[in-house]
Amino acid sequence: MNFVYYVSPWFIAIASIIIAVFLVFVVIWVVRAHQRQVSAGREDLVGKTAVVETALNPKGLVLVEGEHWTAVSDGGWAQPEEEVTVTKVEGLKLRVTKKE
């Protein structure tokens, strides 16, 4: 007994196109991932905007990118919900100034 299988040329063409498109997207995604600069650590916080959680008088808590930090205000007081800018990182403490 001989079995002969027949695969449609249209099926082969469509499957090849789908696989090619998938591979193009994967290659583009990988290239973009490698081109992005890693941003992590305390040094990356300088220049970021923080929201005051507890009044800075001159010391208090701020929220930066979802993390609570102890902060010292260089430019006077700041009330809760005000925005401040991180100017310096000293250990686990941030130096901030009021955002204008």
PDB file of N, CA and C in Angstrom:
ATOM      1  N   MET A   1       0.826  -1.185   0.000  1.00  0.00           N
ATOM      2  CA  MET A   1       0.000   0.000   0.000  1.00  0.00           C
ATOM      3  C   MET A   1       0.869   1.246   0.000  1.00  0.00           C
ATOM      4  N   ASN A   2       0.649   2.113  -0.928  1.00  0.00           N
ATOM      5  CA  ASN A   2       1.362   3.380  -1.012  1.00  0.00           C
ATOM      6  C   ASN A   2       0.419   4.517  -0.674  1.00  0.00           C
ATOM      7  N   PHE A   3       0.863   5.357   0.244  1.00  0.00           N
ATOM      8  CA  PHE A   3       0.081   6.551   0.576  1.00  0.00           C
ATOM      9  C   PHE A   3       0.781   7.753  -0.031  1.00  0.00           C
ATOM     10  N   VAL A   4       0.032   8.567  -0.700  1.00  0.00           N
ATOM     11  CA  VAL A   4       0.581   9.781  -1.295  1.00  0.00           C
ATOM     12  C   VAL A   4      -0.114  10.951  -0.640  1.00  0.00           C
ATOM     13  N   TYR A   5       0.693  11.824  -0.063  1.00  0.00           N
ATOM     14  CA  TYR A   5       0.141  13.014   0.580  1.00  0.00           C
ATOM     15  C   TYR A   5       0.349  14.201  -0.326  1.00  0.00           C
ATOM     16  N   TYR A   6      -0.641  15.056  -0.363  1.00  0.00           N
ATOM     17  CA  TYR A   6      -0.579  16.238  -1.195  1.00  0.00           C
ATOM     18  C   TYR A   6      -0.823  17.457  -0.307  1.00  0.00           C
ATOM     19  N   VAL A   7       0.115  18.404  -0.357  1.00  0.00           N
ATOM     20  CA  VAL A   7      -0.034  19.644   0.403  1.00  0.00           C
ATOM     21  C   VAL A   7      -0.219  20.770  -0.597  1.00  0.00           C
ATOM     22  N   SER A   8      -1.239  21.546  -0.354  1.00  0.00           N
ATOM     23  CA  SER A   8      -1.580  22.643  -1.257  1.00  0.00           C
ATOM     24  C   SER A   8      -0.460  23.683  -1.294  1.00  0.00           C
ATOM     25  N   PRO A   9      -0.112  24.166  -2.465  1.00  0.00           N
ATOM     26  CA  PRO A   9       0.895  25.233  -2.572  1.00  0.00           C
ATOM     27  C   PRO A   9       0.448  26.518  -1.852  1.00  0.00           C
ATOM     28  N   TRP A  10      -0.840  26.762  -1.810  1.00  0.00           N
ATOM     29  CA  TRP A  10      -1.353  27.945  -1.096  1.00  0.00           C
ATOM     30  C   TRP A  10      -1.085  27.840   0.403  1.00  0.00           C
ATOM     31  N   PHE A  11      -1.274  26.649   0.941  1.00  0.00           N
ATOM     32  CA  PHE A  11      -0.991  26.443   2.361  1.00  0.00           C
ATOM     33  C   PHE A  11       0.486  26.683   2.661  1.00  0.00           C
ATOM     34  N   ILE A  12       1.359  26.182   1.820  1.00  0.00           N
ATOM     35  CA  ILE A  12       2.801  26.369   2.012  1.00  0.00           C
ATOM     36  C   ILE A  12       3.156  27.850   1.919  1.00  0.00           C
ATOM     37  N   ALA A  13       2.587  28.568   0.985  1.00  0.00           N
ATOM     38  CA  ALA A  13       2.875  29.995   0.810  1.00  0.00           C
ATOM     39  C   ALA A  13       2.393  30.800   2.020  1.00  0.00           C
ATOM     40  N   ILE A  14       1.178  30.550   2.466  1.00  0.00           N
ATOM     41  CA  ILE A  14       0.620  31.298   3.599  1.00  0.00           C
ATOM     42  C   ILE A  14       1.402  30.983   4.881  1.00  0.00           C
ATOM     43  N   ALA A  15       1.721  29.724   5.111  1.00  0.00           N
ATOM     44  CA  ALA A  15       2.492  29.356   6.298  1.00  0.00           C
ATOM     45  C   ALA A  15       3.879  30.002   6.262  1.00  0.00           C
ATOM     46  N   SER A  16       4.496  30.031   5.103  1.00  0.00           N
ATOM     47  CA  SER A  16       5.815  30.655   4.971  1.00  0.00           C
ATOM     48  C   SER A  16       5.744  32.151   5.256  1.00  0.00           C
ATOM     49  N   ILE A  17       4.732  32.821   4.778  1.00  0.00           N
ATOM     50  CA  ILE A  17       4.564  34.265   5.011  1.00  0.00           C
ATOM     51  C   ILE A  17       4.345  34.537   6.496  1.00  0.00           C
ATOM     52  N   ILE A  18       3.500  33.736   7.131  1.00  0.00           N
ATOM     53  CA  ILE A  18       3.236  33.929   8.562  1.00  0.00           C
ATOM     54  C   ILE A  18       4.518  33.729   9.373  1.00  0.00           C
ATOM     55  N   ILE A  19       5.281  32.706   9.067  1.00  0.00           N
ATOM     56  CA  ILE A  19       6.529  32.453   9.785  1.00  0.00           C
ATOM     57  C   ILE A  19       7.528  33.591   9.540  1.00  0.00           C
ATOM     58  N   ALA A  20       7.618  34.077   8.312  1.00  0.00           N
ATOM     59  CA  ALA A  20       8.537  35.177   7.994  1.00  0.00           C
ATOM     60  C   ALA A  20       8.162  36.447   8.742  1.00  0.00           C
ATOM     61  N   VAL A  21       6.880  36.780   8.790  1.00  0.00           N
ATOM     62  CA  VAL A  21       6.427  37.975   9.503  1.00  0.00           C
ATOM     63  C   VAL A  21       6.728  37.842  10.992  1.00  0.00           C
ATOM     64  N   PHE A  22       6.480  36.684  11.552  1.00  0.00           N
ATOM     65  CA  PHE A  22       6.778  36.450  12.964  1.00  0.00           C
ATOM     66  C   PHE A  22       8.267  36.640  13.239  1.00  0.00           C
ATOM     67  N   LEU A  23       9.114  36.082  12.405  1.00  0.00           N
ATOM     68  CA  LEU A  23      10.558  36.214  12.600  1.00  0.00           C
ATOM     69  C   LEU A  23      11.021  37.662  12.468  1.00  0.00           C
ATOM     70  N   VAL A  24      10.431  38.419  11.545  1.00  0.00           N
ATOM     71  CA  VAL A  24      10.776  39.841  11.401  1.00  0.00           C
ATOM     72  C   VAL A  24      10.434  40.588  12.684  1.00  0.00           C
ATOM     73  N   PHE A  25       9.247  40.365  13.246  1.00  0.00           N
ATOM     74  CA  PHE A  25       8.864  41.023  14.496  1.00  0.00           C
ATOM     75  C   PHE A  25       9.801  40.636  15.643  1.00  0.00           C
ATOM     76  N   VAL A  26      10.189  39.386  15.729  1.00  0.00           N
ATOM     77  CA  VAL A  26      11.096  38.946  16.788  1.00  0.00           C
ATOM     78  C   VAL A  26      12.457  39.621  16.637  1.00  0.00           C
ATOM     79  N   VAL A  27      12.978  39.696  15.429  1.00  0.00           N
ATOM     80  CA  VAL A  27      14.277  40.326  15.201  1.00  0.00           C
ATOM     81  C   VAL A  27      14.215  41.811  15.551  1.00  0.00           C
ATOM     82  N   ILE A  28      13.160  42.500  15.135  1.00  0.00           N
ATOM     83  CA  ILE A  28      13.003  43.926  15.463  1.00  0.00           C
ATOM     84  C   ILE A  28      12.928  44.109  16.967  1.00  0.00           C
ATOM     85  N   TRP A  29      12.167  43.279  17.656  1.00  0.00           N
ATOM     86  CA  TRP A  29      12.025  43.375  19.108  1.00  0.00           C
ATOM     87  C   TRP A  29      13.377  43.168  19.801  1.00  0.00           C
ATOM     88  N   VAL A  30      14.152  42.201  19.356  1.00  0.00           N
ATOM     89  CA  VAL A  30      15.457  41.918  19.956  1.00  0.00           C
ATOM     90  C   VAL A  30      16.414  43.085  19.716  1.00  0.00           C
ATOM     91  N   VAL A  31      16.441  43.624  18.520  1.00  0.00           N
ATOM     92  CA  VAL A  31      17.333  44.749  18.214  1.00  0.00           C
ATOM     93  C   VAL A  31      16.972  45.950  19.076  1.00  0.00           C
ATOM     94  N   ARG A  32      15.697  46.272  19.201  1.00  0.00           N
ATOM     95  CA  ARG A  32      15.275  47.406  20.039  1.00  0.00           C
ATOM     96  C   ARG A  32      15.625  47.177  21.504  1.00  0.00           C
ATOM     97  N   ALA A  33      15.493  45.964  21.976  1.00  0.00           N
ATOM     98  CA  ALA A  33      15.829  45.662  23.372  1.00  0.00           C
ATOM     99  C   ALA A  33      17.315  45.874  23.624  1.00  0.00           C
ATOM    100  N   HIS A  34      18.143  45.553  22.674  1.00  0.00           N
ATOM    101  CA  HIS A  34      19.583  45.729  22.845  1.00  0.00           C
ATOM    102  C   HIS A  34      20.007  47.188  22.707  1.00  0.00           C
ATOM    103  N   GLN A  35      19.238  47.998  22.008  1.00  0.00           N
ATOM    104  CA  GLN A  35      19.590  49.404  21.827  1.00  0.00           C
ATOM    105  C   GLN A  35      19.191  50.262  23.015  1.00  0.00           C
ATOM    106  N   ARG A  36      18.210  49.826  23.779  1.00  0.00           N
ATOM    107  CA  ARG A  36      17.752  50.597  24.937  1.00  0.00           C
ATOM    108  C   ARG A  36      18.816  50.659  26.009  1.00  0.00           C
ATOM    109  N   GLN A  37      18.977  51.825  26.596  1.00  0.00           N
ATOM    110  CA  GLN A  37      19.929  51.978  27.685  1.00  0.00           C
ATOM    111  C   GLN A  37      19.271  51.526  28.981  1.00  0.00           C
ATOM    112  N   VAL A  38      20.021  50.797  29.773  1.00  0.00           N
ATOM    113  CA  VAL A  38      19.505  50.327  31.048  1.00  0.00           C
ATOM    114  C   VAL A  38      19.452  51.503  32.008  1.00  0.00           C
ATOM    115  N   SER A  39      18.305  51.674  32.652  1.00  0.00           N
ATOM    116  CA  SER A  39      18.189  52.739  33.641  1.00  0.00           C
ATOM    117  C   SER A  39      17.756  52.109  34.953  1.00  0.00           C
ATOM    118  N   ALA A  40      18.706  52.039  35.854  1.00  0.00           N
ATOM    119  CA  ALA A  40      18.426  51.449  37.156  1.00  0.00           C
ATOM    120  C   ALA A  40      19.410  52.020  38.164  1.00  0.00           C
ATOM    121  N   GLY A  41      19.031  51.961  39.393  1.00  0.00           N
ATOM    122  CA  GLY A  41      19.928  52.408  40.441  1.00  0.00           C
ATOM    123  C   GLY A  41      19.653  53.823  40.887  1.00  0.00           C
ATOM    124  N   ARG A  42      20.364  54.189  41.921  1.00  0.00           N
ATOM    125  CA  ARG A  42      20.156  55.493  42.537  1.00  0.00           C
ATOM    126  C   ARG A  42      20.586  56.630  41.630  1.00  0.00           C
ATOM    127  N   GLU A  43      21.634  56.428  40.853  1.00  0.00           N
ATOM    128  CA  GLU A  43      22.161  57.494  40.012  1.00  0.00           C
ATOM    129  C   GLU A  43      21.142  57.964  38.972  1.00  0.00           C
ATOM    130  N   ASP A  44      20.248  57.090  38.608  1.00  0.00           N
ATOM    131  CA  ASP A  44      19.237  57.408  37.603  1.00  0.00           C
ATOM    132  C   ASP A  44      18.137  58.316  38.154  1.00  0.00           C
ATOM    133  N   LEU A  45      18.080  58.501  39.455  1.00  0.00           N
ATOM    134  CA  LEU A  45      17.010  59.293  40.066  1.00  0.00           C
ATOM    135  C   LEU A  45      17.208  60.796  39.912  1.00  0.00           C
ATOM    136  N   VAL A  46      18.451  61.245  39.733  1.00  0.00           N
ATOM    137  CA  VAL A  46      18.717  62.678  39.628  1.00  0.00           C
ATOM    138  C   VAL A  46      17.983  63.241  38.415  1.00  0.00           C
ATOM    139  N   GLY A  47      17.218  64.308  38.665  1.00  0.00           N
ATOM    140  CA  GLY A  47      16.439  64.942  37.606  1.00  0.00           C
ATOM    141  C   GLY A  47      15.000  64.446  37.524  1.00  0.00           C
ATOM    142  N   LYS A  48      14.678  63.375  38.216  1.00  0.00           N
ATOM    143  CA  LYS A  48      13.312  62.832  38.194  1.00  0.00           C
ATOM    144  C   LYS A  48      12.385  63.681  39.058  1.00  0.00           C
ATOM    145  N   THR A  49      11.104  63.599  38.758  1.00  0.00           N
ATOM    146  CA  THR A  49      10.085  64.294  39.534  1.00  0.00           C
ATOM    147  C   THR A  49       9.564  63.364  40.616  1.00  0.00           C
ATOM    148  N   ALA A  50       9.425  63.900  41.830  1.00  0.00           N
ATOM    149  CA  ALA A  50       8.909  63.141  42.961  1.00  0.00           C
ATOM    150  C   ALA A  50       7.685  63.860  43.514  1.00  0.00           C
ATOM    151  N   VAL A  51       6.800  63.114  44.148  1.00  0.00           N
ATOM    152  CA  VAL A  51       5.616  63.678  44.796  1.00  0.00           C
ATOM    153  C   VAL A  51       5.814  63.577  46.302  1.00  0.00           C
ATOM    154  N   VAL A  52       5.588  64.690  46.988  1.00  0.00           N
ATOM    155  CA  VAL A  52       5.783  64.735  48.435  1.00  0.00           C
ATOM    156  C   VAL A  52       4.679  63.928  49.115  1.00  0.00           C
ATOM    157  N   GLU A  53       5.068  62.998  49.987  1.00  0.00           N
ATOM    158  CA  GLU A  53       4.109  62.179  50.735  1.00  0.00           C
ATOM    159  C   GLU A  53       3.855  62.784  52.116  1.00  0.00           C
ATOM    160  N   THR A  54       4.928  63.098  52.848  1.00  0.00           N
ATOM    161  CA  THR A  54       4.800  63.789  54.133  1.00  0.00           C
ATOM    162  C   THR A  54       5.563  65.096  53.994  1.00  0.00           C
ATOM    163  N   ALA A  55       5.061  66.126  54.629  1.00  0.00           N
ATOM    164  CA  ALA A  55       5.619  67.467  54.469  1.00  0.00           C
ATOM    165  C   ALA A  55       7.136  67.484  54.641  1.00  0.00           C
ATOM    166  N   LEU A  56       7.806  68.159  53.717  1.00  0.00           N
ATOM    167  CA  LEU A  56       9.249  68.334  53.803  1.00  0.00           C
ATOM    168  C   LEU A  56       9.508  69.605  54.608  1.00  0.00           C
ATOM    169  N   ASN A  57      10.021  69.402  55.819  1.00  0.00           N
ATOM    170  CA  ASN A  57      10.176  70.533  56.725  1.00  0.00           C
ATOM    171  C   ASN A  57      11.518  70.476  57.445  1.00  0.00           C
ATOM    172  N   PRO A  58      12.631  70.436  56.933  1.00  0.00           N
ATOM    173  CA  PRO A  58      13.009  70.191  55.538  1.00  0.00           C
ATOM    174  C   PRO A  58      13.092  68.706  55.202  1.00  0.00           C
ATOM    175  N   LYS A  59      12.853  67.797  56.195  1.00  0.00           N
ATOM    176  CA  LYS A  59      12.971  66.363  55.957  1.00  0.00           C
ATOM    177  C   LYS A  59      11.592  65.724  55.909  1.00  0.00           C
ATOM    178  N   GLY A  60      11.411  64.744  55.022  1.00  0.00           N
ATOM    179  CA  GLY A  60      10.143  64.040  54.919  1.00  0.00           C
ATOM    180  C   GLY A  60      10.248  62.881  53.945  1.00  0.00           C
ATOM    181  N   LEU A  61       9.088  62.410  53.470  1.00  0.00           N
ATOM    182  CA  LEU A  61       9.039  61.286  52.527  1.00  0.00           C
ATOM    183  C   LEU A  61       8.531  61.758  51.175  1.00  0.00           C
ATOM    184  N   VAL A  62       9.126  61.186  50.118  1.00  0.00           N
ATOM    185  CA  VAL A  62       8.661  61.457  48.762  1.00  0.00           C
ATOM    186  C   VAL A  62       8.450  60.137  48.041  1.00  0.00           C
ATOM    187  N   LEU A  63       7.674  60.179  46.981  1.00  0.00           N
ATOM    188  CA  LEU A  63       7.398  59.004  46.161  1.00  0.00           C
ATOM    189  C   LEU A  63       8.010  59.243  44.785  1.00  0.00           C
ATOM    190  N   VAL A  64       8.986  58.390  44.416  1.00  0.00           N
ATOM    191  CA  VAL A  64       9.657  58.493  43.127  1.00  0.00           C
ATOM    192  C   VAL A  64       9.504  57.175  42.404  1.00  0.00           C
ATOM    193  N   GLU A  65       8.834  57.194  41.261  1.00  0.00           N
ATOM    194  CA  GLU A  65       8.635  55.990  40.445  1.00  0.00           C
ATOM    195  C   GLU A  65       8.122  54.813  41.268  1.00  0.00           C
ATOM    196  N   GLY A  66       7.156  55.081  42.148  1.00  0.00           N
ATOM    197  CA  GLY A  66       6.519  54.038  42.932  1.00  0.00           C
ATOM    198  C   GLY A  66       7.266  53.621  44.187  1.00  0.00           C
ATOM    199  N   GLU A  67       8.376  54.286  44.500  1.00  0.00           N
ATOM    200  CA  GLU A  67       9.158  53.934  45.684  1.00  0.00           C
ATOM    201  C   GLU A  67       9.184  55.107  46.655  1.00  0.00           C
ATOM    202  N   HIS A  68       9.080  54.793  47.950  1.00  0.00           N
ATOM    203  CA  HIS A  68       9.175  55.822  48.981  1.00  0.00           C
ATOM    204  C   HIS A  68      10.645  56.058  49.328  1.00  0.00           C
ATOM    205  N   TRP A  69      11.011  57.327  49.408  1.00  0.00           N
ATOM    206  CA  TRP A  69      12.372  57.711  49.760  1.00  0.00           C
ATOM    207  C   TRP A  69      12.329  58.787  50.835  1.00  0.00           C
ATOM    208  N   THR A  70      13.330  58.795  51.707  1.00  0.00           N
ATOM    209  CA  THR A  70      13.517  59.894  52.643  1.00  0.00           C
ATOM    210  C   THR A  70      14.159  61.022  51.853  1.00  0.00           C
ATOM    211  N   ALA A  71      13.654  62.231  52.043  1.00  0.00           N
ATOM    212  CA  ALA A  71      14.167  63.358  51.275  1.00  0.00           C
ATOM    213  C   ALA A  71      14.399  64.560  52.170  1.00  0.00           C
ATOM    214  N   VAL A  72      15.355  65.379  51.751  1.00  0.00           N
ATOM    215  CA  VAL A  72      15.638  66.637  52.421  1.00  0.00           C
ATOM    216  C   VAL A  72      15.471  67.734  51.383  1.00  0.00           C
ATOM    217  N   SER A  73      14.679  68.744  51.723  1.00  0.00           N
ATOM    218  CA  SER A  73      14.410  69.833  50.800  1.00  0.00           C
ATOM    219  C   SER A  73      15.518  70.877  50.883  1.00  0.00           C
ATOM    220  N   ASP A  74      16.072  71.245  49.734  1.00  0.00           N
ATOM    221  CA  ASP A  74      17.096  72.283  49.669  1.00  0.00           C
ATOM    222  C   ASP A  74      16.479  73.666  49.521  1.00  0.00           C
ATOM    223  N   GLY A  75      15.229  73.722  49.119  1.00  0.00           N
ATOM    224  CA  GLY A  75      14.614  75.012  48.822  1.00  0.00           C
ATOM    225  C   GLY A  75      13.395  75.296  49.662  1.00  0.00           C
ATOM    226  N   GLY A  76      13.464  75.152  50.971  1.00  0.00           N
ATOM    227  CA  GLY A  76      12.328  75.473  51.837  1.00  0.00           C
ATOM    228  C   GLY A  76      11.381  74.303  52.027  1.00  0.00           C
ATOM    229  N   TRP A  77      10.181  74.632  52.461  1.00  0.00           N
ATOM    230  CA  TRP A  77       9.190  73.611  52.778  1.00  0.00           C
ATOM    231  C   TRP A  77       8.448  73.162  51.525  1.00  0.00           C
ATOM    232  N   ALA A  78       7.883  71.961  51.636  1.00  0.00           N
ATOM    233  CA  ALA A  78       7.015  71.445  50.580  1.00  0.00           C
ATOM    234  C   ALA A  78       5.897  70.660  51.243  1.00  0.00           C
ATOM    235  N   GLN A  79       4.692  70.918  50.804  1.00  0.00           N
ATOM    236  CA  GLN A  79       3.507  70.269  51.366  1.00  0.00           C
ATOM    237  C   GLN A  79       3.204  68.968  50.622  1.00  0.00           C
ATOM    238  N   PRO A  80       2.439  68.065  51.261  1.00  0.00           N
ATOM    239  CA  PRO A  80       2.049  66.824  50.581  1.00  0.00           C
ATOM    240  C   PRO A  80       1.353  67.100  49.248  1.00  0.00           C
ATOM    241  N   GLU A  81       1.581  66.221  48.291  1.00  0.00           N
ATOM    242  CA  GLU A  81       1.041  66.271  46.931  1.00  0.00           C
ATOM    243  C   GLU A  81       1.756  67.280  46.031  1.00  0.00           C
ATOM    244  N   GLU A  82       2.711  68.048  46.562  1.00  0.00           N
ATOM    245  CA  GLU A  82       3.499  68.952  45.714  1.00  0.00           C
ATOM    246  C   GLU A  82       4.551  68.141  44.975  1.00  0.00           C
ATOM    247  N   GLU A  83       4.981  68.649  43.831  1.00  0.00           N
ATOM    248  CA  GLU A  83       6.015  67.977  43.066  1.00  0.00           C
ATOM    249  C   GLU A  83       7.363  68.629  43.342  1.00  0.00           C
ATOM    250  N   VAL A  84       8.377  67.798  43.481  1.00  0.00           N
ATOM    251  CA  VAL A  84       9.740  68.264  43.689  1.00  0.00           C
ATOM    252  C   VAL A  84      10.650  67.537  42.697  1.00  0.00           C
ATOM    253  N   THR A  85      11.846  68.091  42.489  1.00  0.00           N
ATOM    254  CA  THR A  85      12.813  67.501  41.584  1.00  0.00           C
ATOM    255  C   THR A  85      14.007  66.994  42.385  1.00  0.00           C
ATOM    256  N   VAL A  86      14.441  65.781  42.077  1.00  0.00           N
ATOM    257  CA  VAL A  86      15.593  65.200  42.764  1.00  0.00           C
ATOM    258  C   VAL A  86      16.858  65.852  42.208  1.00  0.00           C
ATOM    259  N   THR A  87      17.690  66.402  43.106  1.00  0.00           N
ATOM    260  CA  THR A  87      18.926  67.059  42.685  1.00  0.00           C
ATOM    261  C   THR A  87      20.176  66.257  43.021  1.00  0.00           C
ATOM    262  N   LYS A  88      20.084  65.396  44.044  1.00  0.00           N
ATOM    263  CA  LYS A  88      21.259  64.649  44.472  1.00  0.00           C
ATOM    264  C   LYS A  88      20.828  63.428  45.271  1.00  0.00           C
ATOM    265  N   VAL A  89      21.633  62.379  45.219  1.00  0.00           N
ATOM    266  CA  VAL A  89      21.389  61.177  46.012  1.00  0.00           C
ATOM    267  C   VAL A  89      22.548  61.028  46.987  1.00  0.00           C
ATOM    268  N   GLU A  90      22.226  60.977  48.278  1.00  0.00           N
ATOM    269  CA  GLU A  90      23.238  60.800  49.318  1.00  0.00           C
ATOM    270  C   GLU A  90      22.902  59.541  50.109  1.00  0.00           C
ATOM    271  N   GLY A  91      23.526  58.449  49.761  1.00  0.00           N
ATOM    272  CA  GLY A  91      23.210  57.177  50.407  1.00  0.00           C
ATOM    273  C   GLY A  91      21.784  56.769  50.071  1.00  0.00           C
ATOM    274  N   LEU A  92      20.933  56.687  51.096  1.00  0.00           N
ATOM    275  CA  LEU A  92      19.521  56.351  50.876  1.00  0.00           C
ATOM    276  C   LEU A  92      18.630  57.570  51.087  1.00  0.00           C
ATOM    277  N   LYS A  93      19.214  58.740  50.969  1.00  0.00           N
ATOM    278  CA  LYS A  93      18.473  59.984  51.163  1.00  0.00           C
ATOM    279  C   LYS A  93      18.567  60.821  49.887  1.00  0.00           C
ATOM    280  N   LEU A  94      17.461  61.443  49.522  1.00  0.00           N
ATOM    281  CA  LEU A  94      17.434  62.290  48.337  1.00  0.00           C
ATOM    282  C   LEU A  94      17.458  63.755  48.731  1.00  0.00           C
ATOM    283  N   ARG A  95      18.153  64.563  47.953  1.00  0.00           N
ATOM    284  CA  ARG A  95      18.090  66.016  48.085  1.00  0.00           C
ATOM    285  C   ARG A  95      17.156  66.486  46.986  1.00  0.00           C
ATOM    286  N   VAL A  96      16.174  67.304  47.349  1.00  0.00           N
ATOM    287  CA  VAL A  96      15.169  67.745  46.386  1.00  0.00           C
ATOM    288  C   VAL A  96      14.980  69.263  46.460  1.00  0.00           C
ATOM    289  N   THR A  97      14.458  69.802  45.367  1.00  0.00           N
ATOM    290  CA  THR A  97      14.054  71.205  45.325  1.00  0.00           C
ATOM    291  C   THR A  97      12.643  71.269  44.781  1.00  0.00           C
ATOM    292  N   LYS A  98      11.924  72.334  45.174  1.00  0.00           N
ATOM    293  CA  LYS A  98      10.563  72.503  44.668  1.00  0.00           C
ATOM    294  C   LYS A  98      10.558  72.669  43.168  1.00  0.00           C
ATOM    295  N   LYS A  99       9.586  72.035  42.543  1.00  0.00           N
ATOM    296  CA  LYS A  99       9.440  72.155  41.095  1.00  0.00           C
ATOM    297  C   LYS A  99       8.712  73.460  40.805  1.00  0.00           C
ATOM    298  N   GLU A 100       9.203  74.188  39.845  1.00  0.00           N
ATOM    299  CA  GLU A 100       8.608  75.496  39.539  1.00  0.00           C
ATOM    300  C   GLU A 100       7.552  75.382  38.488  1.00  0.00           C
TER     301      GLU A 100
END
